[in-house]
Amino acid sequence: VQLQAYGGGLVQAGGSLKLSCLASGSTFSDYRMAWFRQAPGDEREFVAAISWSGSKFYKGSVKGRFTISRDNAKIMVTLQMKNLILADTAVYFCYADHLGDDFWGRGTQVTVSS
């Protein structure tokens, strides 16, 4: 699976941003999809995930502000981010896994300014 994430950018605190990840190369609908992020000097951390059946999971600090969704027909997963805060600043990575195989996309930078 090849993953291409896009949609990052600069946004003011309180604003919104939508990240998208386009997948190619395999049976997308079987894969669990997720978003991770990594801030400078920090380890990469889980943000949100969506299973093949549509079950969603979120990091506590983003729950209620971020929404992950998938469109199997478009082989795409999105992360809608609202009420962004400075702590959301990071490089966001798209991730996919299935039966022990995992894949990472290149990150997209999200910068939240005050």
PDB file of N, CA and C in Angstrom:
ATOM      1  N   VAL A   1       0.844  -1.185   0.000  1.00  0.00           N
ATOM      2  CA  VAL A   1       0.000   0.000   0.000  1.00  0.00           C
ATOM      3  C   VAL A   1       0.881   1.237   0.000  1.00  0.00           C
ATOM      4  N   GLN A   2       0.556   2.154  -0.867  1.00  0.00           N
ATOM      5  CA  GLN A   2       1.241   3.450  -0.876  1.00  0.00           C
ATOM      6  C   GLN A   2       0.272   4.509  -0.370  1.00  0.00           C
ATOM      7  N   LEU A   3       0.762   5.352   0.501  1.00  0.00           N
ATOM      8  CA  LEU A   3      -0.080   6.365   1.126  1.00  0.00           C
ATOM      9  C   LEU A   3       0.459   7.750   0.816  1.00  0.00           C
ATOM     10  N   GLN A   4      -0.421   8.634   0.450  1.00  0.00           N
ATOM     11  CA  GLN A   4      -0.037  10.011   0.171  1.00  0.00           C
ATOM     12  C   GLN A   4      -0.951  10.932   0.959  1.00  0.00           C
ATOM     13  N   ALA A   5      -0.362  11.642   1.900  1.00  0.00           N
ATOM     14  CA  ALA A   5      -1.132  12.555   2.736  1.00  0.00           C
ATOM     15  C   ALA A   5      -0.958  13.982   2.245  1.00  0.00           C
ATOM     16  N   TYR A   6      -2.013  14.748   2.359  1.00  0.00           N
ATOM     17  CA  TYR A   6      -1.943  16.161   1.989  1.00  0.00           C
ATOM     18  C   TYR A   6      -3.007  16.936   2.758  1.00  0.00           C
ATOM     19  N   GLY A   7      -2.894  18.236   2.698  1.00  0.00           N
ATOM     20  CA  GLY A   7      -3.877  19.091   3.363  1.00  0.00           C
ATOM     21  C   GLY A   7      -3.341  19.862   4.544  1.00  0.00           C
ATOM     22  N   GLY A   8      -2.075  19.640   4.912  1.00  0.00           N
ATOM     23  CA  GLY A   8      -1.521  20.392   6.021  1.00  0.00           C
ATOM     24  C   GLY A   8      -1.332  21.843   5.670  1.00  0.00           C
ATOM     25  N   GLY A   9      -0.973  22.622   6.670  1.00  0.00           N
ATOM     26  CA  GLY A   9      -0.756  24.044   6.435  1.00  0.00           C
ATOM     27  C   GLY A   9      -0.686  24.804   7.730  1.00  0.00           C
ATOM     28  N   LEU A  10      -0.768  26.120   7.585  1.00  0.00           N
ATOM     29  CA  LEU A  10      -0.722  27.028   8.730  1.00  0.00           C
ATOM     30  C   LEU A  10      -2.130  27.510   9.040  1.00  0.00           C
ATOM     31  N   VAL A  11      -2.508  27.426  10.293  1.00  0.00           N
ATOM     32  CA  VAL A  11      -3.847  27.844  10.693  1.00  0.00           C
ATOM     33  C   VAL A  11      -3.775  28.496  12.065  1.00  0.00           C
ATOM     34  N   GLN A  12      -4.640  29.437  12.307  1.00  0.00           N
ATOM     35  CA  GLN A  12      -4.673  30.084  13.612  1.00  0.00           C
ATOM     36  C   GLN A  12      -5.374  29.186  14.636  1.00  0.00           C
ATOM     37  N   ALA A  13      -5.003  29.375  15.878  1.00  0.00           N
ATOM     38  CA  ALA A  13      -5.653  28.633  16.955  1.00  0.00           C
ATOM     39  C   ALA A  13      -7.166  28.871  16.889  1.00  0.00           C
ATOM     40  N   GLY A  14      -7.900  27.775  17.062  1.00  0.00           N
ATOM     41  CA  GLY A  14      -9.355  27.851  16.947  1.00  0.00           C
ATOM     42  C   GLY A  14      -9.872  27.546  15.556  1.00  0.00           C
ATOM     43  N   GLY A  15      -8.961  27.477  14.611  1.00  0.00           N
ATOM     44  CA  GLY A  15      -9.348  27.228  13.233  1.00  0.00           C
ATOM     45  C   GLY A  15      -9.478  25.747  12.921  1.00  0.00           C
ATOM     46  N   SER A  16      -9.735  25.469  11.642  1.00  0.00           N
ATOM     47  CA  SER A  16      -9.956  24.100  11.191  1.00  0.00           C
ATOM     48  C   SER A  16      -9.037  23.769  10.027  1.00  0.00           C
ATOM     49  N   LEU A  17      -8.807  22.490   9.887  1.00  0.00           N
ATOM     50  CA  LEU A  17      -7.985  21.995   8.790  1.00  0.00           C
ATOM     51  C   LEU A  17      -8.413  20.572   8.507  1.00  0.00           C
ATOM     52  N   LYS A  18      -8.348  20.175   7.262  1.00  0.00           N
ATOM     53  CA  LYS A  18      -8.721  18.817   6.891  1.00  0.00           C
ATOM     54  C   LYS A  18      -7.546  18.143   6.201  1.00  0.00           C
ATOM     55  N   LEU A  19      -7.144  17.014   6.742  1.00  0.00           N
ATOM     56  CA  LEU A  19      -6.092  16.220   6.138  1.00  0.00           C
ATOM     57  C   LEU A  19      -6.715  15.065   5.365  1.00  0.00           C
ATOM     58  N   SER A  20      -6.109  14.741   4.266  1.00  0.00           N
ATOM     59  CA  SER A  20      -6.566  13.607   3.469  1.00  0.00           C
ATOM     60  C   SER A  20      -5.400  12.685   3.180  1.00  0.00           C
ATOM     61  N   CYS A  21      -5.701  11.425   3.049  1.00  0.00           N
ATOM     62  CA  CYS A  21      -4.680  10.426   2.737  1.00  0.00           C
ATOM     63  C   CYS A  21      -5.242   9.530   1.646  1.00  0.00           C
ATOM     64  N   LEU A  22      -4.575   9.545   0.523  1.00  0.00           N
ATOM     65  CA  LEU A  22      -4.997   8.731  -0.613  1.00  0.00           C
ATOM     66  C   LEU A  22      -4.145   7.468  -0.646  1.00  0.00           C
ATOM     67  N   ALA A  23      -4.807   6.336  -0.711  1.00  0.00           N
ATOM     68  CA  ALA A  23      -4.109   5.057  -0.709  1.00  0.00           C
ATOM     69  C   ALA A  23      -4.163   4.409  -2.075  1.00  0.00           C
ATOM     70  N   SER A  24      -3.180   3.602  -2.339  1.00  0.00           N
ATOM     71  CA  SER A  24      -3.181   2.873  -3.605  1.00  0.00           C
ATOM     72  C   SER A  24      -2.401   1.586  -3.431  1.00  0.00           C
ATOM     73  N   GLY A  25      -2.689   0.602  -4.257  1.00  0.00           N
ATOM     74  CA  GLY A  25      -1.856  -0.577  -4.312  1.00  0.00           C
ATOM     75  C   GLY A  25      -2.405  -1.832  -3.705  1.00  0.00           C
ATOM     76  N   SER A  26      -3.519  -1.752  -2.968  1.00  0.00           N
ATOM     77  CA  SER A  26      -4.019  -2.987  -2.374  1.00  0.00           C
ATOM     78  C   SER A  26      -5.493  -2.850  -2.043  1.00  0.00           C
ATOM     79  N   THR A  27      -6.011  -3.801  -1.320  1.00  0.00           N
ATOM     80  CA  THR A  27      -7.425  -3.800  -0.963  1.00  0.00           C
ATOM     81  C   THR A  27      -7.631  -2.870   0.220  1.00  0.00           C
ATOM     82  N   PHE A  28      -7.884  -1.635  -0.083  1.00  0.00           N
ATOM     83  CA  PHE A  28      -7.961  -0.591   0.937  1.00  0.00           C
ATOM     84  C   PHE A  28      -8.997  -0.901   1.992  1.00  0.00           C
ATOM     85  N   SER A  29     -10.130  -1.438   1.611  1.00  0.00           N
ATOM     86  CA  SER A  29     -11.231  -1.629   2.548  1.00  0.00           C
ATOM     87  C   SER A  29     -10.892  -2.612   3.661  1.00  0.00           C
ATOM     88  N   ASP A  30      -9.884  -3.445   3.494  1.00  0.00           N
ATOM     89  CA  ASP A  30      -9.486  -4.415   4.513  1.00  0.00           C
ATOM     90  C   ASP A  30      -8.552  -3.820   5.555  1.00  0.00           C
ATOM     91  N   TYR A  31      -8.030  -2.648   5.268  1.00  0.00           N
ATOM     92  CA  TYR A  31      -6.993  -2.077   6.104  1.00  0.00           C
ATOM     93  C   TYR A  31      -7.564  -1.213   7.221  1.00  0.00           C
ATOM     94  N   ARG A  32      -6.941  -1.307   8.379  1.00  0.00           N
ATOM     95  CA  ARG A  32      -7.184  -0.317   9.421  1.00  0.00           C
ATOM     96  C   ARG A  32      -6.349   0.908   9.055  1.00  0.00           C
ATOM     97  N   MET A  33      -6.942   2.071   9.134  1.00  0.00           N
ATOM     98  CA  MET A  33      -6.269   3.318   8.786  1.00  0.00           C
ATOM     99  C   MET A  33      -6.148   4.189  10.030  1.00  0.00           C
ATOM    100  N   ALA A  34      -5.085   4.947  10.072  1.00  0.00           N
ATOM    101  CA  ALA A  34      -4.873   5.789  11.247  1.00  0.00           C
ATOM    102  C   ALA A  34      -4.063   7.011  10.889  1.00  0.00           C
ATOM    103  N   TRP A  35      -4.085   7.958  11.788  1.00  0.00           N
ATOM    104  CA  TRP A  35      -3.238   9.143  11.723  1.00  0.00           C
ATOM    105  C   TRP A  35      -2.380   9.183  12.979  1.00  0.00           C
ATOM    106  N   PHE A  36      -1.124   9.480  12.777  1.00  0.00           N
ATOM    107  CA  PHE A  36      -0.182   9.718  13.857  1.00  0.00           C
ATOM    108  C   PHE A  36       0.392  11.113  13.653  1.00  0.00           C
ATOM    109  N   ARG A  37       1.029  11.616  14.680  1.00  0.00           N
ATOM    110  CA  ARG A  37       1.693  12.908  14.532  1.00  0.00           C
ATOM    111  C   ARG A  37       2.966  12.922  15.356  1.00  0.00           C
ATOM    112  N   GLN A  38       3.855  13.808  14.946  1.00  0.00           N
ATOM    113  CA  GLN A  38       5.129  13.947  15.647  1.00  0.00           C
ATOM    114  C   GLN A  38       5.507  15.405  15.700  1.00  0.00           C
ATOM    115  N   ALA A  39       5.600  15.917  16.915  1.00  0.00           N
ATOM    116  CA  ALA A  39       6.032  17.291  17.135  1.00  0.00           C
ATOM    117  C   ALA A  39       7.551  17.305  17.292  1.00  0.00           C
ATOM    118  N   PRO A  40       8.199  18.432  17.037  1.00  0.00           N
ATOM    119  CA  PRO A  40       9.656  18.509  17.178  1.00  0.00           C
ATOM    120  C   PRO A  40      10.108  18.075  18.564  1.00  0.00           C
ATOM    121  N   GLY A  41      11.054  17.154  18.602  1.00  0.00           N
ATOM    122  CA  GLY A  41      11.595  16.691  19.868  1.00  0.00           C
ATOM    123  C   GLY A  41      10.773  15.651  20.580  1.00  0.00           C
ATOM    124  N   ASP A  42       9.622  15.330  20.020  1.00  0.00           N
ATOM    125  CA  ASP A  42       8.733  14.350  20.639  1.00  0.00           C
ATOM    126  C   ASP A  42       8.695  13.058  19.833  1.00  0.00           C
ATOM    127  N   GLU A  43       8.204  12.029  20.472  1.00  0.00           N
ATOM    128  CA  GLU A  43       8.005  10.778  19.757  1.00  0.00           C
ATOM    129  C   GLU A  43       6.713  10.839  18.957  1.00  0.00           C
ATOM    130  N   ARG A  44       6.656   9.997  17.949  1.00  0.00           N
ATOM    131  CA  ARG A  44       5.435   9.915  17.156  1.00  0.00           C
ATOM    132  C   ARG A  44       4.320   9.355  18.036  1.00  0.00           C
ATOM    133  N   GLU A  45       3.137   9.956  17.933  1.00  0.00           N
ATOM    134  CA  GLU A  45       2.037   9.533  18.769  1.00  0.00           C
ATOM    135  C   GLU A  45       0.775   9.277  17.957  1.00  0.00           C
ATOM    136  N   PHE A  46      -0.040   8.403  18.482  1.00  0.00           N
ATOM    137  CA  PHE A  46      -1.308   8.071  17.865  1.00  0.00           C
ATOM    138  C   PHE A  46      -2.271   9.246  17.974  1.00  0.00           C
ATOM    139  N   VAL A  47      -3.052   9.464  16.926  1.00  0.00           N
ATOM    140  CA  VAL A  47      -4.055  10.526  16.939  1.00  0.00           C
ATOM    141  C   VAL A  47      -5.457   9.939  16.789  1.00  0.00           C
ATOM    142  N   ALA A  48      -5.657   9.158  15.744  1.00  0.00           N
ATOM    143  CA  ALA A  48      -6.986   8.611  15.481  1.00  0.00           C
ATOM    144  C   ALA A  48      -6.850   7.409  14.563  1.00  0.00           C
ATOM    145  N   ALA A  49      -7.823   6.503  14.659  1.00  0.00           N
ATOM    146  CA  ALA A  49      -7.828   5.319  13.806  1.00  0.00           C
ATOM    147  C   ALA A  49      -9.252   4.964  13.432  1.00  0.00           C
ATOM    148  N   ILE A  50      -9.379   4.291  12.308  1.00  0.00           N
ATOM    149  CA  ILE A  50     -10.683   3.791  11.874  1.00  0.00           C
ATOM    150  C   ILE A  50     -10.489   2.399  11.308  1.00  0.00           C
ATOM    151  N   SER A  51     -11.286   1.467  11.801  1.00  0.00           N
ATOM    152  CA  SER A  51     -11.140   0.078  11.377  1.00  0.00           C
ATOM    153  C   SER A  51     -11.794  -0.138  10.019  1.00  0.00           C
ATOM    154  N   TRP A  52     -11.647  -1.333   9.511  1.00  0.00           N
ATOM    155  CA  TRP A  52     -12.257  -1.665   8.228  1.00  0.00           C
ATOM    156  C   TRP A  52     -13.790  -1.571   8.320  1.00  0.00           C
ATOM    157  N   SER A  53     -14.310  -1.797   9.531  1.00  0.00           N
ATOM    158  CA  SER A  53     -15.765  -1.763   9.707  1.00  0.00           C
ATOM    159  C   SER A  53     -16.284  -0.384  10.061  1.00  0.00           C
ATOM    160  N   GLY A  54     -15.379   0.572  10.265  1.00  0.00           N
ATOM    161  CA  GLY A  54     -15.801   1.928  10.558  1.00  0.00           C
ATOM    162  C   GLY A  54     -15.727   2.321  12.017  1.00  0.00           C
ATOM    163  N   SER A  55     -15.262   1.434  12.882  1.00  0.00           N
ATOM    164  CA  SER A  55     -15.092   1.800  14.290  1.00  0.00           C
ATOM    165  C   SER A  55     -13.980   2.832  14.410  1.00  0.00           C
ATOM    166  N   LYS A  56     -14.208   3.823  15.262  1.00  0.00           N
ATOM    167  CA  LYS A  56     -13.262   4.936  15.365  1.00  0.00           C
ATOM    168  C   LYS A  56     -12.660   5.019  16.762  1.00  0.00           C
ATOM    169  N   PHE A  57     -11.425   5.419  16.803  1.00  0.00           N
ATOM    170  CA  PHE A  57     -10.706   5.556  18.069  1.00  0.00           C
ATOM    171  C   PHE A  57      -9.893   6.845  18.015  1.00  0.00           C
ATOM    172  N   TYR A  58      -9.831   7.529  19.159  1.00  0.00           N
ATOM    173  CA  TYR A  58      -9.149   8.825  19.198  1.00  0.00           C
ATOM    174  C   TYR A  58      -8.239   8.942  20.411  1.00  0.00           C
ATOM    175  N   LYS A  59      -7.191   9.692  20.233  1.00  0.00           N
ATOM    176  CA  LYS A  59      -6.386  10.144  21.362  1.00  0.00           C
ATOM    177  C   LYS A  59      -7.272  11.055  22.193  1.00  0.00           C
ATOM    178  N   GLY A  60      -7.136  10.961  23.504  1.00  0.00           N
ATOM    179  CA  GLY A  60      -8.029  11.688  24.378  1.00  0.00           C
ATOM    180  C   GLY A  60      -8.080  13.185  24.120  1.00  0.00           C
ATOM    181  N   SER A  61      -6.941  13.780  23.866  1.00  0.00           N
ATOM    182  CA  SER A  61      -6.888  15.238  23.741  1.00  0.00           C
ATOM    183  C   SER A  61      -7.509  15.756  22.443  1.00  0.00           C
ATOM    184  N   VAL A  62      -7.779  14.876  21.494  1.00  0.00           N
ATOM    185  CA  VAL A  62      -8.376  15.323  20.240  1.00  0.00           C
ATOM    186  C   VAL A  62      -9.834  14.918  20.126  1.00  0.00           C
ATOM    187  N   LYS A  63     -10.284  14.109  21.058  1.00  0.00           N
ATOM    188  CA  LYS A  63     -11.669  13.630  21.008  1.00  0.00           C
ATOM    189  C   LYS A  63     -12.619  14.809  21.085  1.00  0.00           C
ATOM    190  N   GLY A  64     -13.589  14.818  20.190  1.00  0.00           N
ATOM    191  CA  GLY A  64     -14.534  15.931  20.137  1.00  0.00           C
ATOM    192  C   GLY A  64     -14.089  17.068  19.235  1.00  0.00           C
ATOM    193  N   ARG A  65     -12.830  17.072  18.857  1.00  0.00           N
ATOM    194  CA  ARG A  65     -12.320  18.109  17.953  1.00  0.00           C
ATOM    195  C   ARG A  65     -11.934  17.547  16.592  1.00  0.00           C
ATOM    196  N   PHE A  66     -11.458  16.318  16.586  1.00  0.00           N
ATOM    197  CA  PHE A  66     -11.026  15.667  15.344  1.00  0.00           C
ATOM    198  C   PHE A  66     -12.009  14.576  14.974  1.00  0.00           C
ATOM    199  N   THR A  67     -12.196  14.392  13.685  1.00  0.00           N
ATOM    200  CA  THR A  67     -13.050  13.317  13.180  1.00  0.00           C
ATOM    201  C   THR A  67     -12.334  12.587  12.059  1.00  0.00           C
ATOM    202  N   ILE A  68     -12.187  11.291  12.227  1.00  0.00           N
ATOM    203  CA  ILE A  68     -11.584  10.474  11.185  1.00  0.00           C
ATOM    204  C   ILE A  68     -12.692   9.782  10.404  1.00  0.00           C
ATOM    205  N   SER A  69     -12.500   9.698   9.111  1.00  0.00           N
ATOM    206  CA  SER A  69     -13.492   9.018   8.282  1.00  0.00           C
ATOM    207  C   SER A  69     -12.774   8.375   7.101  1.00  0.00           C
ATOM    208  N   ARG A  70     -13.469   7.462   6.469  1.00  0.00           N
ATOM    209  CA  ARG A  70     -12.868   6.785   5.321  1.00  0.00           C
ATOM    210  C   ARG A  70     -13.905   6.652   4.224  1.00  0.00           C
ATOM    211  N   ASP A  71     -13.424   6.663   3.018  1.00  0.00           N
ATOM    212  CA  ASP A  71     -14.258   6.462   1.839  1.00  0.00           C
ATOM    213  C   ASP A  71     -13.589   5.354   1.037  1.00  0.00           C
ATOM    214  N   ASN A  72     -14.098   4.147   1.164  1.00  0.00           N
ATOM    215  CA  ASN A  72     -13.461   3.015   0.501  1.00  0.00           C
ATOM    216  C   ASN A  72     -13.547   3.112  -1.018  1.00  0.00           C
ATOM    217  N   ALA A  73     -14.586   3.731  -1.497  1.00  0.00           N
ATOM    218  CA  ALA A  73     -14.717   3.887  -2.947  1.00  0.00           C
ATOM    219  C   ALA A  73     -13.646   4.811  -3.501  1.00  0.00           C
ATOM    220  N   LYS A  74     -13.301   5.814  -2.730  1.00  0.00           N
ATOM    221  CA  LYS A  74     -12.256   6.767  -3.153  1.00  0.00           C
ATOM    222  C   LYS A  74     -10.893   6.382  -2.613  1.00  0.00           C
ATOM    223  N   ILE A  75     -10.831   5.248  -1.886  1.00  0.00           N
ATOM    224  CA  ILE A  75      -9.605   4.769  -1.230  1.00  0.00           C
ATOM    225  C   ILE A  75      -8.911   5.919  -0.499  1.00  0.00           C
ATOM    226  N   MET A  76      -9.680   6.572   0.367  1.00  0.00           N
ATOM    227  CA  MET A  76      -9.179   7.751   1.042  1.00  0.00           C
ATOM    228  C   MET A  76      -9.618   7.752   2.503  1.00  0.00           C
ATOM    229  N   VAL A  77      -8.761   8.249   3.346  1.00  0.00           N
ATOM    230  CA  VAL A  77      -9.110   8.483   4.739  1.00  0.00           C
ATOM    231  C   VAL A  77      -8.838   9.955   5.039  1.00  0.00           C
ATOM    232  N   THR A  78      -9.722  10.562   5.799  1.00  0.00           N
ATOM    233  CA  THR A  78      -9.563  11.976   6.100  1.00  0.00           C
ATOM    234  C   THR A  78      -9.547  12.201   7.610  1.00  0.00           C
ATOM    235  N   LEU A  79      -8.973  13.302   7.993  1.00  0.00           N
ATOM    236  CA  LEU A  79      -8.962  13.730   9.389  1.00  0.00           C
ATOM    237  C   LEU A  79      -9.419  15.178   9.410  1.00  0.00           C
ATOM    238  N   GLN A  80     -10.629  15.394   9.846  1.00  0.00           N
ATOM    239  CA  GLN A  80     -11.152  16.749   9.991  1.00  0.00           C
ATOM    240  C   GLN A  80     -10.768  17.255  11.368  1.00  0.00           C
ATOM    241  N   MET A  81     -10.065  18.364  11.410  1.00  0.00           N
ATOM    242  CA  MET A  81      -9.583  18.914  12.675  1.00  0.00           C
ATOM    243  C   MET A  81     -10.227  20.264  12.912  1.00  0.00           C
ATOM    244  N   LYS A  82     -10.850  20.425  14.059  1.00  0.00           N
ATOM    245  CA  LYS A  82     -11.503  21.680  14.415  1.00  0.00           C
ATOM    246  C   LYS A  82     -10.965  22.152  15.759  1.00  0.00           C
ATOM    247  N   ASN A  83     -11.209  23.427  16.029  1.00  0.00           N
ATOM    248  CA  ASN A  83     -10.754  24.018  17.302  1.00  0.00           C
ATOM    249  C   ASN A  83      -9.298  23.674  17.585  1.00  0.00           C
ATOM    250  N   LEU A  84      -8.481  23.890  16.590  1.00  0.00           N
ATOM    251  CA  LEU A  84      -7.068  23.547  16.707  1.00  0.00           C
ATOM    252  C   LEU A  84      -6.390  24.392  17.777  1.00  0.00           C
ATOM    253  N   ILE A  85      -5.470  23.764  18.490  1.00  0.00           N
ATOM    254  CA  ILE A  85      -4.702  24.424  19.532  1.00  0.00           C
ATOM    255  C   ILE A  85      -3.220  24.309  19.189  1.00  0.00           C
ATOM    256  N   LEU A  86      -2.418  25.109  19.890  1.00  0.00           N
ATOM    257  CA  LEU A  86      -0.990  25.131  19.602  1.00  0.00           C
ATOM    258  C   LEU A  86      -0.369  23.738  19.716  1.00  0.00           C
ATOM    259  N   ALA A  87      -0.852  22.950  20.657  1.00  0.00           N
ATOM    260  CA  ALA A  87      -0.297  21.614  20.893  1.00  0.00           C
ATOM    261  C   ALA A  87      -0.583  20.644  19.750  1.00  0.00           C
ATOM    262  N   ASP A  88      -1.429  21.040  18.817  1.00  0.00           N
ATOM    263  CA  ASP A  88      -1.695  20.190  17.654  1.00  0.00           C
ATOM    264  C   ASP A  88      -0.635  20.358  16.569  1.00  0.00           C
ATOM    265  N   THR A  89       0.247  21.311  16.750  1.00  0.00           N
ATOM    266  CA  THR A  89       1.312  21.525  15.779  1.00  0.00           C
ATOM    267  C   THR A  89       2.219  20.302  15.713  1.00  0.00           C
ATOM    268  N   ALA A  90       2.350  19.750  14.521  1.00  0.00           N
ATOM    269  CA  ALA A  90       3.151  18.538  14.338  1.00  0.00           C
ATOM    270  C   ALA A  90       3.157  18.155  12.868  1.00  0.00           C
ATOM    271  N   VAL A  91       3.986  17.199  12.567  1.00  0.00           N
ATOM    272  CA  VAL A  91       3.896  16.546  11.263  1.00  0.00           C
ATOM    273  C   VAL A  91       2.938  15.375  11.423  1.00  0.00           C
ATOM    274  N   TYR A  92       1.945  15.320  10.570  1.00  0.00           N
ATOM    275  CA  TYR A  92       0.920  14.276  10.647  1.00  0.00           C
ATOM    276  C   TYR A  92       1.202  13.211   9.591  1.00  0.00           C
ATOM    277  N   PHE A  93       1.104  11.963  10.020  1.00  0.00           N
ATOM    278  CA  PHE A  93       1.408  10.830   9.153  1.00  0.00           C
ATOM    279  C   PHE A  93       0.177   9.944   8.998  1.00  0.00           C
ATOM    280  N   CYS A  94      -0.035   9.500   7.805  1.00  0.00           N
ATOM    281  CA  CYS A  94      -1.069   8.530   7.511  1.00  0.00           C
ATOM    282  C   CYS A  94      -0.476   7.127   7.684  1.00  0.00           C
ATOM    283  N   TYR A  95      -1.280   6.209   8.192  1.00  0.00           N
ATOM    284  CA  TYR A  95      -0.800   4.868   8.508  1.00  0.00           C
ATOM    285  C   TYR A  95      -1.868   3.850   8.130  1.00  0.00           C
ATOM    286  N   ALA A  96      -1.404   2.695   7.669  1.00  0.00           N
ATOM    287  CA  ALA A  96      -2.319   1.606   7.338  1.00  0.00           C
ATOM    288  C   ALA A  96      -1.735   0.286   7.812  1.00  0.00           C
ATOM    289  N   ASP A  97      -2.580  -0.593   8.306  1.00  0.00           N
ATOM    290  CA  ASP A  97      -2.088  -1.919   8.645  1.00  0.00           C
ATOM    291  C   ASP A  97      -3.144  -2.983   8.408  1.00  0.00           C
ATOM    292  N   HIS A  98      -2.645  -4.190   8.181  1.00  0.00           N
ATOM    293  CA  HIS A  98      -3.532  -5.318   7.920  1.00  0.00           C
ATOM    294  C   HIS A  98      -2.739  -6.597   8.056  1.00  0.00           C
ATOM    295  N   LEU A  99      -3.171  -7.470   8.942  1.00  0.00           N
ATOM    296  CA  LEU A  99      -2.560  -8.787   9.118  1.00  0.00           C
ATOM    297  C   LEU A  99      -1.046  -8.708   9.319  1.00  0.00           C
ATOM    298  N   GLY A 100      -0.625  -7.764  10.132  1.00  0.00           N
ATOM    299  CA  GLY A 100       0.779  -7.681  10.471  1.00  0.00           C
ATOM    300  C   GLY A 100       1.640  -6.839   9.563  1.00  0.00           C
ATOM    301  N   ASP A 101       1.103  -6.430   8.448  1.00  0.00           N
ATOM    302  CA  ASP A 101       1.835  -5.530   7.554  1.00  0.00           C
ATOM    303  C   ASP A 101       1.407  -4.097   7.815  1.00  0.00           C
ATOM    304  N   ASP A 102       2.364  -3.214   7.947  1.00  0.00           N
ATOM    305  CA  ASP A 102       1.998  -1.818   8.151  1.00  0.00           C
ATOM    306  C   ASP A 102       2.745  -0.915   7.183  1.00  0.00           C
ATOM    307  N   PHE A 103       2.151   0.232   6.940  1.00  0.00           N
ATOM    308  CA  PHE A 103       2.646   1.164   5.935  1.00  0.00           C
ATOM    309  C   PHE A 103       2.493   2.590   6.445  1.00  0.00           C
ATOM    310  N   TRP A 104       3.468   3.399   6.106  1.00  0.00           N
ATOM    311  CA  TRP A 104       3.445   4.805   6.489  1.00  0.00           C
ATOM    312  C   TRP A 104       3.521   5.670   5.242  1.00  0.00           C
ATOM    313  N   GLY A 105       2.805   6.763   5.293  1.00  0.00           N
ATOM    314  CA  GLY A 105       2.929   7.762   4.252  1.00  0.00           C
ATOM    315  C   GLY A 105       3.885   8.850   4.707  1.00  0.00           C
ATOM    316  N   ARG A 106       4.270   9.685   3.791  1.00  0.00           N
ATOM    317  CA  ARG A 106       5.070  10.857   4.149  1.00  0.00           C
ATOM    318  C   ARG A 106       4.192  11.817   4.945  1.00  0.00           C
ATOM    319  N   GLY A 107       4.792  12.506   5.845  1.00  0.00           N
ATOM    320  CA  GLY A 107       4.039  13.393   6.699  1.00  0.00           C
ATOM    321  C   GLY A 107       3.638  14.685   6.012  1.00  0.00           C
ATOM    322  N   THR A 108       2.664  15.323   6.612  1.00  0.00           N
ATOM    323  CA  THR A 108       2.248  16.655   6.173  1.00  0.00           C
ATOM    324  C   THR A 108       2.240  17.564   7.395  1.00  0.00           C
ATOM    325  N   GLN A 109       2.827  18.730   7.233  1.00  0.00           N
ATOM    326  CA  GLN A 109       3.017  19.630   8.374  1.00  0.00           C
ATOM    327  C   GLN A 109       1.732  20.386   8.694  1.00  0.00           C
ATOM    328  N   VAL A 110       1.386  20.386   9.968  1.00  0.00           N
ATOM    329  CA  VAL A 110       0.288  21.212  10.477  1.00  0.00           C
ATOM    330  C   VAL A 110       0.883  22.159  11.512  1.00  0.00           C
ATOM    331  N   THR A 111       0.718  23.442  11.292  1.00  0.00           N
ATOM    332  CA  THR A 111       1.232  24.441  12.214  1.00  0.00           C
ATOM    333  C   THR A 111       0.079  25.312  12.686  1.00  0.00           C
ATOM    334  N   VAL A 112      -0.096  25.347  13.995  1.00  0.00           N
ATOM    335  CA  VAL A 112      -1.151  26.177  14.593  1.00  0.00           C
ATOM    336  C   VAL A 112      -0.482  27.382  15.238  1.00  0.00           C
ATOM    337  N   SER A 113      -0.912  28.557  14.849  1.00  0.00           N
ATOM    338  CA  SER A 113      -0.322  29.792  15.368  1.00  0.00           C
ATOM    339  C   SER A 113      -1.281  30.469  16.340  1.00  0.00           C
ATOM    340  N   SER A 114      -0.712  31.249  17.230  1.00  0.00           N
ATOM    341  CA  SER A 114      -1.540  31.950  18.221  1.00  0.00           C
ATOM    342  C   SER A 114      -2.060  33.257  17.677  1.00  0.00           C
TER     343      SER A 114
END
